[in-house]
Amino acid sequence: MKSKKNKNTGILVIILIGLLILAYKVMFVSPDVDLTTEENEIATIRIERLLNQLENANFDTSVLQDGKFQSLKSIEIPMISLPIGRENPFSDVF
C-alpha cells in the first residue's frame, strides 16, 4: 500500500513540475516571432488588394423594390415590461 502511494505521489510531482515549466515558458518567455520587412510588404499588398475588391463591390438593390419583398410583414412581438428587482438591492428585506 505504501509503495502505491509513493508511486502516485512521484507521478503527481513529475506532472506538477512539467506544468510549472510549461506555465513559465508560456508566461515569461517572449516568442521570437519577428516579421521581416519582406513579409510585412507582402501582407500589406494582400490587404490592399482585398480593400480594392471591397471598394469595387456592387450590390443589387432591385430586390428591395420587388412586390413580394415589400409584402413581407414583421411578426415580432413586443416584450412585456415588468419591474425587475428592488430599487435598492442592499436595503433590508423586512
PDB file of N, CA and C in Angstrom:
ATOM      1  N   MET A   1       0.819  -1.190   0.000  1.00  0.00           N
ATOM      2  CA  MET A   1       0.000   0.000   0.000  1.00  0.00           C
ATOM      3  C   MET A   1       0.869   1.263   0.000  1.00  0.00           C
ATOM      4  N   LYS A   2       1.975   1.215   0.799  1.00  0.00           N
ATOM      5  CA  LYS A   2       2.871   2.367   0.863  1.00  0.00           C
ATOM      6  C   LYS A   2       3.545   2.625  -0.468  1.00  0.00           C
ATOM      7  N   SER A   3       3.950   1.549  -1.164  1.00  0.00           N
ATOM      8  CA  SER A   3       4.647   1.736  -2.437  1.00  0.00           C
ATOM      9  C   SER A   3       3.717   2.324  -3.491  1.00  0.00           C
ATOM     10  N   LYS A   4       2.431   1.982  -3.432  1.00  0.00           N
ATOM     11  CA  LYS A   4       1.475   2.540  -4.392  1.00  0.00           C
ATOM     12  C   LYS A   4       1.284   4.032  -4.139  1.00  0.00           C
ATOM     13  N   LYS A   5       1.224   4.437  -2.851  1.00  0.00           N
ATOM     14  CA  LYS A   5       1.085   5.858  -2.527  1.00  0.00           C
ATOM     15  C   LYS A   5       2.331   6.621  -2.964  1.00  0.00           C
ATOM     16  N   ASN A   6       3.498   6.033  -2.727  1.00  0.00           N
ATOM     17  CA  ASN A   6       4.741   6.686  -3.142  1.00  0.00           C
ATOM     18  C   ASN A   6       4.814   6.820  -4.652  1.00  0.00           C
ATOM     19  N   LYS A   7       4.352   5.791  -5.367  1.00  0.00           N
ATOM     20  CA  LYS A   7       4.372   5.826  -6.828  1.00  0.00           C
ATOM     21  C   LYS A   7       3.429   6.913  -7.336  1.00  0.00           C
ATOM     22  N   ASN A   8       2.219   6.984  -6.756  1.00  0.00           N
ATOM     23  CA  ASN A   8       1.257   8.017  -7.159  1.00  0.00           C
ATOM     24  C   ASN A   8       1.784   9.412  -6.847  1.00  0.00           C
ATOM     25  N   THR A   9       2.420   9.564  -5.691  1.00  0.00           N
ATOM     26  CA  THR A   9       2.977  10.869  -5.314  1.00  0.00           C
ATOM     27  C   THR A   9       4.094  11.263  -6.277  1.00  0.00           C
ATOM     28  N   GLY A  10       4.925  10.321  -6.658  1.00  0.00           N
ATOM     29  CA  GLY A  10       6.014  10.607  -7.595  1.00  0.00           C
ATOM     30  C   GLY A  10       5.488  11.029  -8.948  1.00  0.00           C
ATOM     31  N   ILE A  11       4.469  10.345  -9.432  1.00  0.00           N
ATOM     32  CA  ILE A  11       3.865  10.702 -10.725  1.00  0.00           C
ATOM     33  C   ILE A  11       3.257  12.092 -10.649  1.00  0.00           C
ATOM     34  N   LEU A  12       2.582  12.391  -9.541  1.00  0.00           N
ATOM     35  CA  LEU A  12       1.963  13.698  -9.361  1.00  0.00           C
ATOM     36  C   LEU A  12       3.016  14.801  -9.323  1.00  0.00           C
ATOM     37  N   VAL A  13       4.123  14.563  -8.650  1.00  0.00           N
ATOM     38  CA  VAL A  13       5.198  15.553  -8.580  1.00  0.00           C
ATOM     39  C   VAL A  13       5.777  15.806  -9.966  1.00  0.00           C
ATOM     40  N   ILE A  14       5.993  14.757 -10.740  1.00  0.00           N
ATOM     41  CA  ILE A  14       6.522  14.910 -12.099  1.00  0.00           C
ATOM     42  C   ILE A  14       5.559  15.720 -12.966  1.00  0.00           C
ATOM     43  N   ILE A  15       4.265  15.433 -12.859  1.00  0.00           N
ATOM     44  CA  ILE A  15       3.260  16.181 -13.639  1.00  0.00           C
ATOM     45  C   ILE A  15       3.253  17.647 -13.225  1.00  0.00           C
ATOM     46  N   LEU A  16       3.306  17.925 -11.922  1.00  0.00           N
ATOM     47  CA  LEU A  16       3.304  19.307 -11.454  1.00  0.00           C
ATOM     48  C   LEU A  16       4.545  20.069 -11.905  1.00  0.00           C
ATOM     49  N   ILE A  17       5.700  19.418 -11.870  1.00  0.00           N
ATOM     50  CA  ILE A  17       6.923  20.081 -12.349  1.00  0.00           C
ATOM     51  C   ILE A  17       6.806  20.385 -13.839  1.00  0.00           C
ATOM     52  N   GLY A  18       6.266  19.455 -14.608  1.00  0.00           N
ATOM     53  CA  GLY A  18       6.064  19.686 -16.041  1.00  0.00           C
ATOM     54  C   GLY A  18       5.129  20.851 -16.293  1.00  0.00           C
ATOM     55  N   LEU A  19       4.036  20.921 -15.525  1.00  0.00           N
ATOM     56  CA  LEU A  19       3.096  22.024 -15.684  1.00  0.00           C
ATOM     57  C   LEU A  19       3.716  23.361 -15.284  1.00  0.00           C
ATOM     58  N   LEU A  20       4.549  23.352 -14.241  1.00  0.00           N
ATOM     59  CA  LEU A  20       5.224  24.594 -13.847  1.00  0.00           C
ATOM     60  C   LEU A  20       6.182  25.076 -14.928  1.00  0.00           C
ATOM     61  N   ILE A  21       6.918  24.160 -15.536  1.00  0.00           N
ATOM     62  CA  ILE A  21       7.831  24.528 -16.627  1.00  0.00           C
ATOM     63  C   ILE A  21       7.044  25.079 -17.811  1.00  0.00           C
ATOM     64  N   LEU A  22       5.948  24.431 -18.155  1.00  0.00           N
ATOM     65  CA  LEU A  22       5.107  24.898 -19.259  1.00  0.00           C
ATOM     66  C   LEU A  22       4.533  26.283 -18.965  1.00  0.00           C
ATOM     67  N   ALA A  23       4.042  26.487 -17.741  1.00  0.00           N
ATOM     68  CA  ALA A  23       3.483  27.793 -17.374  1.00  0.00           C
ATOM     69  C   ALA A  23       4.551  28.877 -17.434  1.00  0.00           C
ATOM     70  N   TYR A  24       5.761  28.575 -16.983  1.00  0.00           N
ATOM     71  CA  TYR A  24       6.850  29.553 -17.037  1.00  0.00           C
ATOM     72  C   TYR A  24       7.162  29.945 -18.471  1.00  0.00           C
ATOM     73  N   LYS A  25       7.232  28.949 -19.353  1.00  0.00           N
ATOM     74  CA  LYS A  25       7.546  29.248 -20.751  1.00  0.00           C
ATOM     75  C   LYS A  25       6.448  30.069 -21.411  1.00  0.00           C
ATOM     76  N   VAL A  26       5.204  29.770 -21.087  1.00  0.00           N
ATOM     77  CA  VAL A  26       4.085  30.487 -21.704  1.00  0.00           C
ATOM     78  C   VAL A  26       4.013  31.920 -21.190  1.00  0.00           C
ATOM     79  N   MET A  27       4.244  32.118 -19.900  1.00  0.00           N
ATOM     80  CA  MET A  27       4.031  33.433 -19.309  1.00  0.00           C
ATOM     81  C   MET A  27       5.240  34.359 -19.387  1.00  0.00           C
ATOM     82  N   PHE A  28       6.453  33.835 -19.244  1.00  0.00           N
ATOM     83  CA  PHE A  28       7.605  34.705 -19.089  1.00  0.00           C
ATOM     84  C   PHE A  28       8.588  34.696 -20.242  1.00  0.00           C
ATOM     85  N   VAL A  29       8.543  33.739 -21.119  1.00  0.00           N
ATOM     86  CA  VAL A  29       9.474  33.689 -22.235  1.00  0.00           C
ATOM     87  C   VAL A  29       8.794  34.339 -23.436  1.00  0.00           C
ATOM     88  N   SER A  30       9.442  35.371 -23.989  1.00  0.00           N
ATOM     89  CA  SER A  30       8.843  36.070 -25.128  1.00  0.00           C
ATOM     90  C   SER A  30       9.079  35.262 -26.401  1.00  0.00           C
ATOM     91  N   PRO A  31       8.099  35.223 -27.268  1.00  0.00           N
ATOM     92  CA  PRO A  31       8.272  34.486 -28.512  1.00  0.00           C
ATOM     93  C   PRO A  31       9.231  35.215 -29.444  1.00  0.00           C
ATOM     94  N   ASP A  32       9.970  34.469 -30.220  1.00  0.00           N
ATOM     95  CA  ASP A  32      10.925  35.034 -31.164  1.00  0.00           C
ATOM     96  C   ASP A  32      10.317  35.154 -32.551  1.00  0.00           C
ATOM     97  N   VAL A  33       9.152  35.792 -32.627  1.00  0.00           N
ATOM     98  CA  VAL A  33       8.476  35.946 -33.908  1.00  0.00           C
ATOM     99  C   VAL A  33       8.652  37.388 -34.362  1.00  0.00           C
ATOM    100  N   ASP A  34       9.536  37.595 -35.308  1.00  0.00           N
ATOM    101  CA  ASP A  34       9.754  38.907 -35.885  1.00  0.00           C
ATOM    102  C   ASP A  34       9.494  38.810 -37.382  1.00  0.00           C
ATOM    103  N   LEU A  35       8.543  39.591 -37.833  1.00  0.00           N
ATOM    104  CA  LEU A  35       8.253  39.593 -39.256  1.00  0.00           C
ATOM    105  C   LEU A  35       9.305  40.429 -39.979  1.00  0.00           C
ATOM    106  N   THR A  36       9.794  39.895 -41.045  1.00  0.00           N
ATOM    107  CA  THR A  36      10.761  40.656 -41.827  1.00  0.00           C
ATOM    108  C   THR A  36      10.026  41.713 -42.630  1.00  0.00           C
ATOM    109  N   THR A  37      10.772  42.669 -43.138  1.00  0.00           N
ATOM    110  CA  THR A  37      10.138  43.726 -43.918  1.00  0.00           C
ATOM    111  C   THR A  37       9.515  43.159 -45.184  1.00  0.00           C
ATOM    112  N   GLU A  38      10.105  42.101 -45.712  1.00  0.00           N
ATOM    113  CA  GLU A  38       9.554  41.469 -46.916  1.00  0.00           C
ATOM    114  C   GLU A  38       8.177  40.873 -46.625  1.00  0.00           C
ATOM    115  N   GLU A  39       8.051  40.193 -45.481  1.00  0.00           N
ATOM    116  CA  GLU A  39       6.765  39.607 -45.114  1.00  0.00           C
ATOM    117  C   GLU A  39       5.730  40.692 -44.847  1.00  0.00           C
ATOM    118  N   ASN A  40       6.167  41.804 -44.236  1.00  0.00           N
ATOM    119  CA  ASN A  40       5.258  42.915 -43.987  1.00  0.00           C
ATOM    120  C   ASN A  40       4.760  43.521 -45.298  1.00  0.00           C
ATOM    121  N   GLU A  41       5.641  43.659 -46.266  1.00  0.00           N
ATOM    122  CA  GLU A  41       5.242  44.222 -47.558  1.00  0.00           C
ATOM    123  C   GLU A  41       4.247  43.305 -48.261  1.00  0.00           C
ATOM    124  N   ILE A  42       4.491  42.007 -48.200  1.00  0.00           N
ATOM    125  CA  ILE A  42       3.578  41.054 -48.833  1.00  0.00           C
ATOM    126  C   ILE A  42       2.201  41.123 -48.178  1.00  0.00           C
ATOM    127  N   ALA A  43       2.175  41.194 -46.848  1.00  0.00           N
ATOM    128  CA  ALA A  43       0.899  41.287 -46.133  1.00  0.00           C
ATOM    129  C   ALA A  43       0.184  42.588 -46.478  1.00  0.00           C
ATOM    130  N   THR A  44       0.934  43.673 -46.595  1.00  0.00           N
ATOM    131  CA  THR A  44       0.337  44.958 -46.948  1.00  0.00           C
ATOM    132  C   THR A  44      -0.278  44.905 -48.339  1.00  0.00           C
ATOM    133  N   ILE A  45       0.406  44.290 -49.282  1.00  0.00           N
ATOM    134  CA  ILE A  45      -0.114  44.178 -50.643  1.00  0.00           C
ATOM    135  C   ILE A  45      -1.399  43.358 -50.659  1.00  0.00           C
ATOM    136  N   ARG A  46      -1.417  42.258 -49.908  1.00  0.00           N
ATOM    137  CA  ARG A  46      -2.626  41.420 -49.857  1.00  0.00           C
ATOM    138  C   ARG A  46      -3.801  42.191 -49.276  1.00  0.00           C
ATOM    139  N   ILE A  47      -3.563  42.977 -48.233  1.00  0.00           N
ATOM    140  CA  ILE A  47      -4.632  43.755 -47.617  1.00  0.00           C
ATOM    141  C   ILE A  47      -5.135  44.824 -48.576  1.00  0.00           C
ATOM    142  N   GLU A  48      -4.224  45.470 -49.288  1.00  0.00           N
ATOM    143  CA  GLU A  48      -4.638  46.488 -50.258  1.00  0.00           C
ATOM    144  C   GLU A  48      -5.487  45.885 -51.363  1.00  0.00           C
ATOM    145  N   ARG A  49      -5.142  44.681 -51.825  1.00  0.00           N
ATOM    146  CA  ARG A  49      -5.939  44.013 -52.854  1.00  0.00           C
ATOM    147  C   ARG A  49      -7.342  43.710 -52.343  1.00  0.00           C
ATOM    148  N   LEU A  50      -7.423  43.218 -51.104  1.00  0.00           N
ATOM    149  CA  LEU A  50      -8.734  42.920 -50.535  1.00  0.00           C
ATOM    150  C   LEU A  50      -9.576  44.186 -50.381  1.00  0.00           C
ATOM    151  N   LEU A  51      -8.955  45.268 -49.947  1.00  0.00           N
ATOM    152  CA  LEU A  51      -9.696  46.521 -49.806  1.00  0.00           C
ATOM    153  C   LEU A  51     -10.174  47.039 -51.155  1.00  0.00           C
ATOM    154  N   ASN A  52      -9.359  46.901 -52.190  1.00  0.00           N
ATOM    155  CA  ASN A  52      -9.781  47.326 -53.527  1.00  0.00           C
ATOM    156  C   ASN A  52     -10.955  46.486 -54.015  1.00  0.00           C
ATOM    157  N   GLN A  53     -10.945  45.185 -53.726  1.00  0.00           N
ATOM    158  CA  GLN A  53     -12.065  44.336 -54.118  1.00  0.00           C
ATOM    159  C   GLN A  53     -13.340  44.759 -53.392  1.00  0.00           C
ATOM    160  N   LEU A  54     -13.219  45.124 -52.121  1.00  0.00           N
ATOM    161  CA  LEU A  54     -14.393  45.565 -51.374  1.00  0.00           C
ATOM    162  C   LEU A  54     -14.921  46.903 -51.883  1.00  0.00           C
ATOM    163  N   GLU A  55     -14.031  47.794 -52.268  1.00  0.00           N
ATOM    164  CA  GLU A  55     -14.470  49.084 -52.789  1.00  0.00           C
ATOM    165  C   GLU A  55     -15.210  48.918 -54.111  1.00  0.00           C
ATOM    166  N   ASN A  56     -14.827  47.938 -54.906  1.00  0.00           N
ATOM    167  CA  ASN A  56     -15.445  47.733 -56.208  1.00  0.00           C
ATOM    168  C   ASN A  56     -16.709  46.880 -56.138  1.00  0.00           C
ATOM    169  N   ALA A  57     -17.115  46.467 -54.948  1.00  0.00           N
ATOM    170  CA  ALA A  57     -18.312  45.626 -54.818  1.00  0.00           C
ATOM    171  C   ALA A  57     -19.549  46.429 -55.206  1.00  0.00           C
ATOM    172  N   ASN A  58     -20.424  45.806 -55.962  1.00  0.00           N
ATOM    173  CA  ASN A  58     -21.656  46.440 -56.409  1.00  0.00           C
ATOM    174  C   ASN A  58     -22.822  45.580 -55.933  1.00  0.00           C
ATOM    175  N   PHE A  59     -23.667  46.166 -55.105  1.00  0.00           N
ATOM    176  CA  PHE A  59     -24.791  45.429 -54.566  1.00  0.00           C
ATOM    177  C   PHE A  59     -26.044  45.724 -55.375  1.00  0.00           C
ATOM    178  N   ASP A  60     -26.786  44.667 -55.691  1.00  0.00           N
ATOM    179  CA  ASP A  60     -28.023  44.796 -56.448  1.00  0.00           C
ATOM    180  C   ASP A  60     -29.171  45.046 -55.479  1.00  0.00           C
ATOM    181  N   THR A  61     -29.694  46.271 -55.465  1.00  0.00           N
ATOM    182  CA  THR A  61     -30.764  46.624 -54.540  1.00  0.00           C
ATOM    183  C   THR A  61     -32.142  46.548 -55.192  1.00  0.00           C
ATOM    184  N   SER A  62     -32.212  46.020 -56.398  1.00  0.00           N
ATOM    185  CA  SER A  62     -33.517  45.924 -57.059  1.00  0.00           C
ATOM    186  C   SER A  62     -34.435  44.927 -56.360  1.00  0.00           C
ATOM    187  N   VAL A  63     -33.878  44.044 -55.562  1.00  0.00           N
ATOM    188  CA  VAL A  63     -34.691  43.070 -54.821  1.00  0.00           C
ATOM    189  C   VAL A  63     -35.600  43.795 -53.837  1.00  0.00           C
ATOM    190  N   LEU A  64     -35.129  44.903 -53.305  1.00  0.00           N
ATOM    191  CA  LEU A  64     -35.934  45.638 -52.329  1.00  0.00           C
ATOM    192  C   LEU A  64     -37.197  46.236 -52.950  1.00  0.00           C
ATOM    193  N   GLN A  65     -37.191  46.457 -54.260  1.00  0.00           N
ATOM    194  CA  GLN A  65     -38.338  47.041 -54.939  1.00  0.00           C
ATOM    195  C   GLN A  65     -39.341  45.985 -55.395  1.00  0.00           C
ATOM    196  N   ASP A  66     -38.996  44.714 -55.250  1.00  0.00           N
ATOM    197  CA  ASP A  66     -39.865  43.621 -55.674  1.00  0.00           C
ATOM    198  C   ASP A  66     -41.133  43.608 -54.815  1.00  0.00           C
ATOM    199  N   GLY A  67     -42.268  43.333 -55.432  1.00  0.00           N
ATOM    200  CA  GLY A  67     -43.550  43.302 -54.733  1.00  0.00           C
ATOM    201  C   GLY A  67     -43.610  42.231 -53.662  1.00  0.00           C
ATOM    202  N   LYS A  68     -43.012  41.085 -53.941  1.00  0.00           N
ATOM    203  CA  LYS A  68     -43.018  40.001 -52.948  1.00  0.00           C
ATOM    204  C   LYS A  68     -42.237  40.399 -51.706  1.00  0.00           C
ATOM    205  N   PHE A  69     -41.121  41.078 -51.893  1.00  0.00           N
ATOM    206  CA  PHE A  69     -40.323  41.500 -50.751  1.00  0.00           C
ATOM    207  C   PHE A  69     -41.063  42.546 -49.931  1.00  0.00           C
ATOM    208  N   GLN A  70     -41.727  43.465 -50.609  1.00  0.00           N
ATOM    209  CA  GLN A  70     -42.443  44.522 -49.902  1.00  0.00           C
ATOM    210  C   GLN A  70     -43.697  44.003 -49.209  1.00  0.00           C
ATOM    211  N   SER A  71     -44.207  42.843 -49.629  1.00  0.00           N
ATOM    212  CA  SER A  71     -45.402  42.296 -48.980  1.00  0.00           C
ATOM    213  C   SER A  71     -45.075  41.570 -47.680  1.00  0.00           C
ATOM    214  N   LEU A  72     -43.809  41.369 -47.382  1.00  0.00           N
ATOM    215  CA  LEU A  72     -43.430  40.706 -46.137  1.00  0.00           C
ATOM    216  C   LEU A  72     -43.794  41.578 -44.944  1.00  0.00           C
ATOM    217  N   LYS A  73     -44.272  40.942 -43.888  1.00  0.00           N
ATOM    218  CA  LYS A  73     -44.668  41.677 -42.694  1.00  0.00           C
ATOM    219  C   LYS A  73     -43.896  41.145 -41.497  1.00  0.00           C
ATOM    220  N   SER A  74     -43.658  41.995 -40.544  1.00  0.00           N
ATOM    221  CA  SER A  74     -42.929  41.620 -39.339  1.00  0.00           C
ATOM    222  C   SER A  74     -43.846  40.854 -38.394  1.00  0.00           C
ATOM    223  N   ILE A  75     -43.338  39.808 -37.793  1.00  0.00           N
ATOM    224  CA  ILE A  75     -44.125  39.029 -36.835  1.00  0.00           C
ATOM    225  C   ILE A  75     -43.569  39.164 -35.421  1.00  0.00           C
ATOM    226  N   GLU A  76     -42.775  40.213 -35.188  1.00  0.00           N
ATOM    227  CA  GLU A  76     -42.189  40.388 -33.866  1.00  0.00           C
ATOM    228  C   GLU A  76     -43.250  40.779 -32.846  1.00  0.00           C
ATOM    229  N   ILE A  77     -43.066  40.331 -31.630  1.00  0.00           N
ATOM    230  CA  ILE A  77     -43.983  40.620 -30.533  1.00  0.00           C
ATOM    231  C   ILE A  77     -43.218  41.467 -29.522  1.00  0.00           C
ATOM    232  N   PRO A  78     -43.773  42.617 -29.147  1.00  0.00           N
ATOM    233  CA  PRO A  78     -43.045  43.453 -28.192  1.00  0.00           C
ATOM    234  C   PRO A  78     -42.932  42.752 -26.835  1.00  0.00           C
ATOM    235  N   MET A  79     -41.801  42.968 -26.175  1.00  0.00           N
ATOM    236  CA  MET A  79     -41.575  42.375 -24.871  1.00  0.00           C
ATOM    237  C   MET A  79     -42.444  43.053 -23.821  1.00  0.00           C
ATOM    238  N   ILE A  80     -42.903  42.278 -22.852  1.00  0.00           N
ATOM    239  CA  ILE A  80     -43.708  42.816 -21.768  1.00  0.00           C
ATOM    240  C   ILE A  80     -42.765  43.510 -20.785  1.00  0.00           C
ATOM    241  N   SER A  81     -43.113  44.719 -20.405  1.00  0.00           N
ATOM    242  CA  SER A  81     -42.278  45.480 -19.487  1.00  0.00           C
ATOM    243  C   SER A  81     -42.707  45.159 -18.064  1.00  0.00           C
ATOM    244  N   LEU A  82     -41.901  44.389 -17.362  1.00  0.00           N
ATOM    245  CA  LEU A  82     -42.174  44.028 -15.977  1.00  0.00           C
ATOM    246  C   LEU A  82     -41.102  44.624 -15.084  1.00  0.00           C
ATOM    247  N   PRO A  83     -41.469  45.008 -13.850  1.00  0.00           N
ATOM    248  CA  PRO A  83     -40.443  45.515 -12.940  1.00  0.00           C
ATOM    249  C   PRO A  83     -39.487  44.385 -12.553  1.00  0.00           C
ATOM    250  N   ILE A  84     -38.213  44.716 -12.510  1.00  0.00           N
ATOM    251  CA  ILE A  84     -37.205  43.720 -12.207  1.00  0.00           C
ATOM    252  C   ILE A  84     -36.462  44.146 -10.952  1.00  0.00           C
ATOM    253  N   GLY A  85     -36.471  43.311  -9.934  1.00  0.00           N
ATOM    254  CA  GLY A  85     -35.699  43.551  -8.729  1.00  0.00           C
ATOM    255  C   GLY A  85     -36.224  44.696  -7.886  1.00  0.00           C
ATOM    256  N   ARG A  86     -35.463  45.049  -6.881  1.00  0.00           N
ATOM    257  CA  ARG A  86     -35.821  46.142  -5.981  1.00  0.00           C
ATOM    258  C   ARG A  86     -35.050  47.396  -6.364  1.00  0.00           C
ATOM    259  N   GLU A  87     -35.551  48.553  -5.911  1.00  0.00           N
ATOM    260  CA  GLU A  87     -34.842  49.798  -6.194  1.00  0.00           C
ATOM    261  C   GLU A  87     -33.490  49.812  -5.529  1.00  0.00           C
ATOM    262  N   ASN A  88     -33.435  49.401  -4.248  1.00  0.00           N
ATOM    263  CA  ASN A  88     -32.181  49.347  -3.530  1.00  0.00           C
ATOM    264  C   ASN A  88     -31.955  47.899  -3.109  1.00  0.00           C
ATOM    265  N   PRO A  89     -31.133  47.143  -3.833  1.00  0.00           N
ATOM    266  CA  PRO A  89     -30.953  45.730  -3.509  1.00  0.00           C
ATOM    267  C   PRO A  89     -30.206  45.498  -2.202  1.00  0.00           C
ATOM    268  N   PHE A  90     -29.597  46.545  -1.624  1.00  0.00           N
ATOM    269  CA  PHE A  90     -28.820  46.378  -0.408  1.00  0.00           C
ATOM    270  C   PHE A  90     -29.620  46.736   0.840  1.00  0.00           C
ATOM    271  N   SER A  91     -30.849  47.202   0.659  1.00  0.00           N
ATOM    272  CA  SER A  91     -31.655  47.538   1.830  1.00  0.00           C
ATOM    273  C   SER A  91     -32.216  46.260   2.458  1.00  0.00           C
ATOM    274  N   ASP A  92     -32.657  46.382   3.705  1.00  0.00           N
ATOM    275  CA  ASP A  92     -33.226  45.227   4.398  1.00  0.00           C
ATOM    276  C   ASP A  92     -34.531  44.800   3.737  1.00  0.00           C
ATOM    277  N   VAL A  93     -34.765  43.492   3.758  1.00  0.00           N
ATOM    278  CA  VAL A  93     -35.969  42.939   3.134  1.00  0.00           C
ATOM    279  C   VAL A  93     -37.184  43.193   4.004  1.00  0.00           C
ATOM    280  N   PHE A  94     -37.004  43.138   5.314  1.00  0.00           N
ATOM    281  CA  PHE A  94     -38.150  43.280   6.231  1.00  0.00           C
ATOM    282  C   PHE A  94     -38.307  44.679   6.695  1.00  0.00           C
TER     283      PHE A  94
END
